[in-house]
């Protein structure tokens, strides 16, 4: 589904069609695909999360950072 994406816009649109995927999840999945699976169509950066996500986790330390970012985002957005 994502390997055939023409560009970053197409990649984000394809992911957005998945059940339960809003803007935040799209950004996180684009980051995961790029950083962990080397799926990087032209323009993917515009649609990737700019904050620390699971895409950046490679140790217990970075997992703790990702959890902290998630807590802060929930507090900020009242979730």
N, C-alpha and C. Protein backbone atom coordinates (compact mmCIF):
# COMPACT_ATOMS: atom_id res chain seq x y z
N UNK A 1 0.81 -1.19 0.00
CA UNK A 1 0.00 0.00 0.00
C UNK A 1 0.86 1.26 0.00
N UNK A 2 1.93 1.30 0.77
CA UNK A 2 2.74 2.52 0.83
C UNK A 2 3.91 2.50 -0.12
N UNK A 3 4.39 1.35 -0.50
CA UNK A 3 5.52 1.29 -1.42
C UNK A 3 5.16 1.83 -2.81
N UNK A 4 3.88 1.79 -3.14
CA UNK A 4 3.43 2.27 -4.44
C UNK A 4 3.08 3.76 -4.44
N UNK A 5 3.19 4.42 -3.30
CA UNK A 5 2.82 5.84 -3.22
C UNK A 5 3.67 6.67 -4.17
N UNK A 6 3.02 7.57 -4.92
CA UNK A 6 3.71 8.40 -5.90
C UNK A 6 4.60 9.46 -5.23
N UNK A 7 4.12 9.98 -4.11
CA UNK A 7 4.85 11.02 -3.40
C UNK A 7 4.33 11.10 -1.97
N UNK A 8 4.84 12.05 -1.20
CA UNK A 8 4.43 12.18 0.20
C UNK A 8 2.95 12.46 0.36
N UNK A 9 2.39 13.27 -0.54
CA UNK A 9 0.96 13.57 -0.47
C UNK A 9 0.14 12.30 -0.66
N UNK A 10 0.53 11.50 -1.64
CA UNK A 10 -0.18 10.25 -1.91
C UNK A 10 -0.02 9.28 -0.74
N UNK A 11 1.17 9.21 -0.18
CA UNK A 11 1.41 8.34 0.97
C UNK A 11 0.49 8.72 2.13
N UNK A 12 0.45 9.99 2.48
CA UNK A 12 -0.39 10.45 3.58
C UNK A 12 -1.86 10.18 3.29
N UNK A 13 -2.30 10.40 2.06
CA UNK A 13 -3.69 10.17 1.69
C UNK A 13 -4.05 8.69 1.82
N UNK A 14 -3.15 7.81 1.41
CA UNK A 14 -3.40 6.37 1.51
C UNK A 14 -3.54 5.95 2.97
N UNK A 15 -2.66 6.46 3.82
CA UNK A 15 -2.70 6.10 5.24
C UNK A 15 -3.97 6.66 5.89
N UNK A 16 -4.33 7.87 5.51
CA UNK A 16 -5.51 8.52 6.09
C UNK A 16 -6.79 7.72 5.83
N UNK A 17 -6.81 6.92 4.76
CA UNK A 17 -7.98 6.11 4.44
C UNK A 17 -8.13 4.90 5.36
N UNK A 18 -7.09 4.57 6.11
CA UNK A 18 -7.17 3.43 7.03
C UNK A 18 -8.11 3.74 8.18
N UNK A 19 -8.86 2.76 8.65
CA UNK A 19 -9.77 2.99 9.77
C UNK A 19 -9.02 3.49 11.01
N UNK A 20 -9.51 4.55 11.62
CA UNK A 20 -8.94 5.05 12.86
C UNK A 20 -7.73 5.94 12.70
N UNK A 21 -7.38 6.32 11.48
CA UNK A 21 -6.20 7.14 11.26
C UNK A 21 -6.58 8.59 11.01
N UNK A 22 -6.32 9.41 12.03
CA UNK A 22 -6.49 10.85 11.89
C UNK A 22 -5.14 11.48 11.58
N UNK A 23 -5.08 12.78 11.64
CA UNK A 23 -3.86 13.51 11.27
C UNK A 23 -2.64 13.10 12.09
N UNK A 24 -2.79 12.95 13.40
CA UNK A 24 -1.64 12.61 14.26
C UNK A 24 -1.10 11.22 13.92
N UNK A 25 -1.99 10.25 13.78
CA UNK A 25 -1.53 8.89 13.47
C UNK A 25 -0.90 8.82 12.08
N UNK A 26 -1.42 9.59 11.14
CA UNK A 26 -0.82 9.63 9.81
C UNK A 26 0.62 10.11 9.91
N UNK A 27 0.83 11.19 10.65
CA UNK A 27 2.18 11.74 10.80
C UNK A 27 3.12 10.73 11.46
N UNK A 28 2.64 10.04 12.47
CA UNK A 28 3.47 9.05 13.17
C UNK A 28 3.81 7.90 12.23
N UNK A 29 2.82 7.39 11.49
CA UNK A 29 3.09 6.26 10.60
C UNK A 29 4.01 6.65 9.45
N UNK A 30 3.86 7.85 8.93
CA UNK A 30 4.79 8.30 7.88
C UNK A 30 6.22 8.32 8.45
N UNK A 31 6.39 8.80 9.67
CA UNK A 31 7.71 8.83 10.30
C UNK A 31 8.25 7.41 10.49
N UNK A 32 7.41 6.50 10.95
CA UNK A 32 7.82 5.10 11.15
C UNK A 32 8.24 4.48 9.82
N UNK A 33 7.42 4.66 8.80
CA UNK A 33 7.75 4.07 7.49
C UNK A 33 9.07 4.61 6.96
N UNK A 34 9.31 5.90 7.12
CA UNK A 34 10.54 6.50 6.62
C UNK A 34 11.75 6.07 7.42
N UNK A 35 11.65 6.14 8.74
CA UNK A 35 12.81 5.89 9.60
C UNK A 35 13.12 4.42 9.83
N UNK A 36 12.09 3.59 9.84
CA UNK A 36 12.31 2.17 10.13
C UNK A 36 12.28 1.27 8.90
N UNK A 37 11.55 1.70 7.85
CA UNK A 37 11.37 0.85 6.67
C UNK A 37 11.84 1.49 5.37
N UNK A 38 12.47 2.64 5.47
CA UNK A 38 13.04 3.33 4.31
C UNK A 38 12.02 3.62 3.20
N UNK A 39 10.78 3.88 3.59
CA UNK A 39 9.74 4.29 2.65
C UNK A 39 9.76 5.82 2.64
N UNK A 40 10.36 6.39 1.61
CA UNK A 40 10.58 7.83 1.57
C UNK A 40 10.28 8.43 0.19
N UNK A 41 9.01 8.42 -0.19
CA UNK A 41 8.70 9.06 -1.48
C UNK A 41 8.96 10.56 -1.38
N UNK A 42 9.18 11.20 -2.49
CA UNK A 42 9.45 12.64 -2.53
C UNK A 42 8.38 13.39 -1.74
N UNK A 43 8.80 14.23 -0.82
CA UNK A 43 7.88 15.04 -0.03
C UNK A 43 7.35 14.39 1.23
N UNK A 44 7.87 13.21 1.59
CA UNK A 44 7.38 12.53 2.79
C UNK A 44 7.57 13.38 4.05
N UNK A 45 8.62 14.18 4.07
CA UNK A 45 8.96 14.96 5.27
C UNK A 45 7.83 15.90 5.68
N UNK A 46 7.09 16.43 4.72
CA UNK A 46 5.98 17.35 5.03
C UNK A 46 4.87 16.67 5.83
N UNK A 47 4.81 15.35 5.75
CA UNK A 47 3.72 14.61 6.39
C UNK A 47 4.17 13.80 7.60
N UNK A 48 5.44 13.87 7.95
CA UNK A 48 5.97 13.09 9.07
C UNK A 48 5.90 13.89 10.37
N UNK A 49 5.75 13.17 11.46
CA UNK A 49 5.75 13.79 12.78
C UNK A 49 7.08 14.51 13.00
N UNK A 50 6.99 15.69 13.58
CA UNK A 50 8.20 16.47 13.88
C UNK A 50 8.57 16.35 15.35
N UNK A 51 7.82 15.56 16.09
CA UNK A 51 8.11 15.33 17.50
C UNK A 51 8.63 13.91 17.68
N UNK A 52 9.15 13.61 18.85
CA UNK A 52 9.71 12.29 19.17
C UNK A 52 8.58 11.27 19.20
N UNK A 53 8.66 10.25 18.35
CA UNK A 53 7.64 9.21 18.28
C UNK A 53 8.28 7.83 18.37
N UNK A 54 7.46 6.81 18.26
CA UNK A 54 7.94 5.44 18.25
C UNK A 54 8.94 5.22 17.10
N UNK A 55 8.87 6.04 16.07
CA UNK A 55 9.82 5.94 14.96
C UNK A 55 11.24 6.21 15.41
N UNK A 56 11.39 6.91 16.53
CA UNK A 56 12.71 7.28 17.04
C UNK A 56 13.20 6.36 18.15
N UNK A 57 12.41 5.35 18.50
CA UNK A 57 12.75 4.46 19.61
C UNK A 57 13.73 3.39 19.16
N UNK A 58 14.86 3.34 19.86
CA UNK A 58 15.83 2.28 19.60
C UNK A 58 16.50 1.81 20.89
N UNK A 59 15.97 2.26 22.03
CA UNK A 59 16.51 1.85 23.32
C UNK A 59 15.48 2.15 24.41
N UNK A 60 15.74 1.68 25.62
CA UNK A 60 14.84 1.98 26.74
C UNK A 60 14.79 3.49 27.00
N UNK A 61 15.92 4.14 26.81
CA UNK A 61 15.99 5.59 27.04
C UNK A 61 15.11 6.35 26.05
N UNK A 62 15.20 6.00 24.77
CA UNK A 62 14.39 6.71 23.80
C UNK A 62 12.91 6.33 23.92
N UNK A 63 12.61 5.13 24.43
CA UNK A 63 11.22 4.76 24.71
C UNK A 63 10.67 5.63 25.82
N UNK A 64 11.46 5.87 26.84
CA UNK A 64 11.03 6.75 27.93
C UNK A 64 10.77 8.16 27.41
N UNK A 65 11.60 8.63 26.50
CA UNK A 65 11.39 9.96 25.90
C UNK A 65 10.09 9.99 25.12
N UNK A 66 9.81 8.96 24.34
CA UNK A 66 8.57 8.90 23.56
C UNK A 66 7.36 8.89 24.48
N UNK A 67 7.44 8.17 25.57
CA UNK A 67 6.32 8.14 26.52
C UNK A 67 6.09 9.50 27.15
N UNK A 68 7.17 10.19 27.46
CA UNK A 68 7.05 11.52 28.06
C UNK A 68 6.41 12.50 27.07
N UNK A 69 6.82 12.44 25.83
CA UNK A 69 6.22 13.31 24.80
C UNK A 69 4.73 13.01 24.70
N UNK A 70 4.36 11.75 24.72
CA UNK A 70 2.95 11.37 24.62
C UNK A 70 2.16 11.92 25.81
N UNK A 71 2.71 11.81 27.00
CA UNK A 71 2.03 12.35 28.19
C UNK A 71 1.85 13.86 28.06
N UNK A 72 2.89 14.54 27.60
CA UNK A 72 2.81 16.00 27.45
C UNK A 72 1.77 16.40 26.41
N UNK A 73 1.72 15.66 25.31
CA UNK A 73 0.74 15.96 24.26
C UNK A 73 -0.68 15.73 24.76
N UNK A 74 -0.89 14.66 25.52
CA UNK A 74 -2.22 14.39 26.08
C UNK A 74 -2.62 15.51 27.02
N UNK A 75 -1.72 15.92 27.87
CA UNK A 75 -2.03 17.01 28.81
C UNK A 75 -2.36 18.30 28.07
N UNK A 76 -1.60 18.58 27.03
CA UNK A 76 -1.81 19.80 26.25
C UNK A 76 -3.14 19.81 25.52
N UNK A 77 -3.53 18.65 25.00
CA UNK A 77 -4.74 18.55 24.19
C UNK A 77 -5.94 18.05 24.99
N UNK A 78 -5.74 17.81 26.27
CA UNK A 78 -6.86 17.39 27.12
C UNK A 78 -7.39 16.01 26.85
N UNK A 79 -6.54 15.14 26.34
CA UNK A 79 -6.99 13.78 26.02
C UNK A 79 -6.87 12.86 27.20
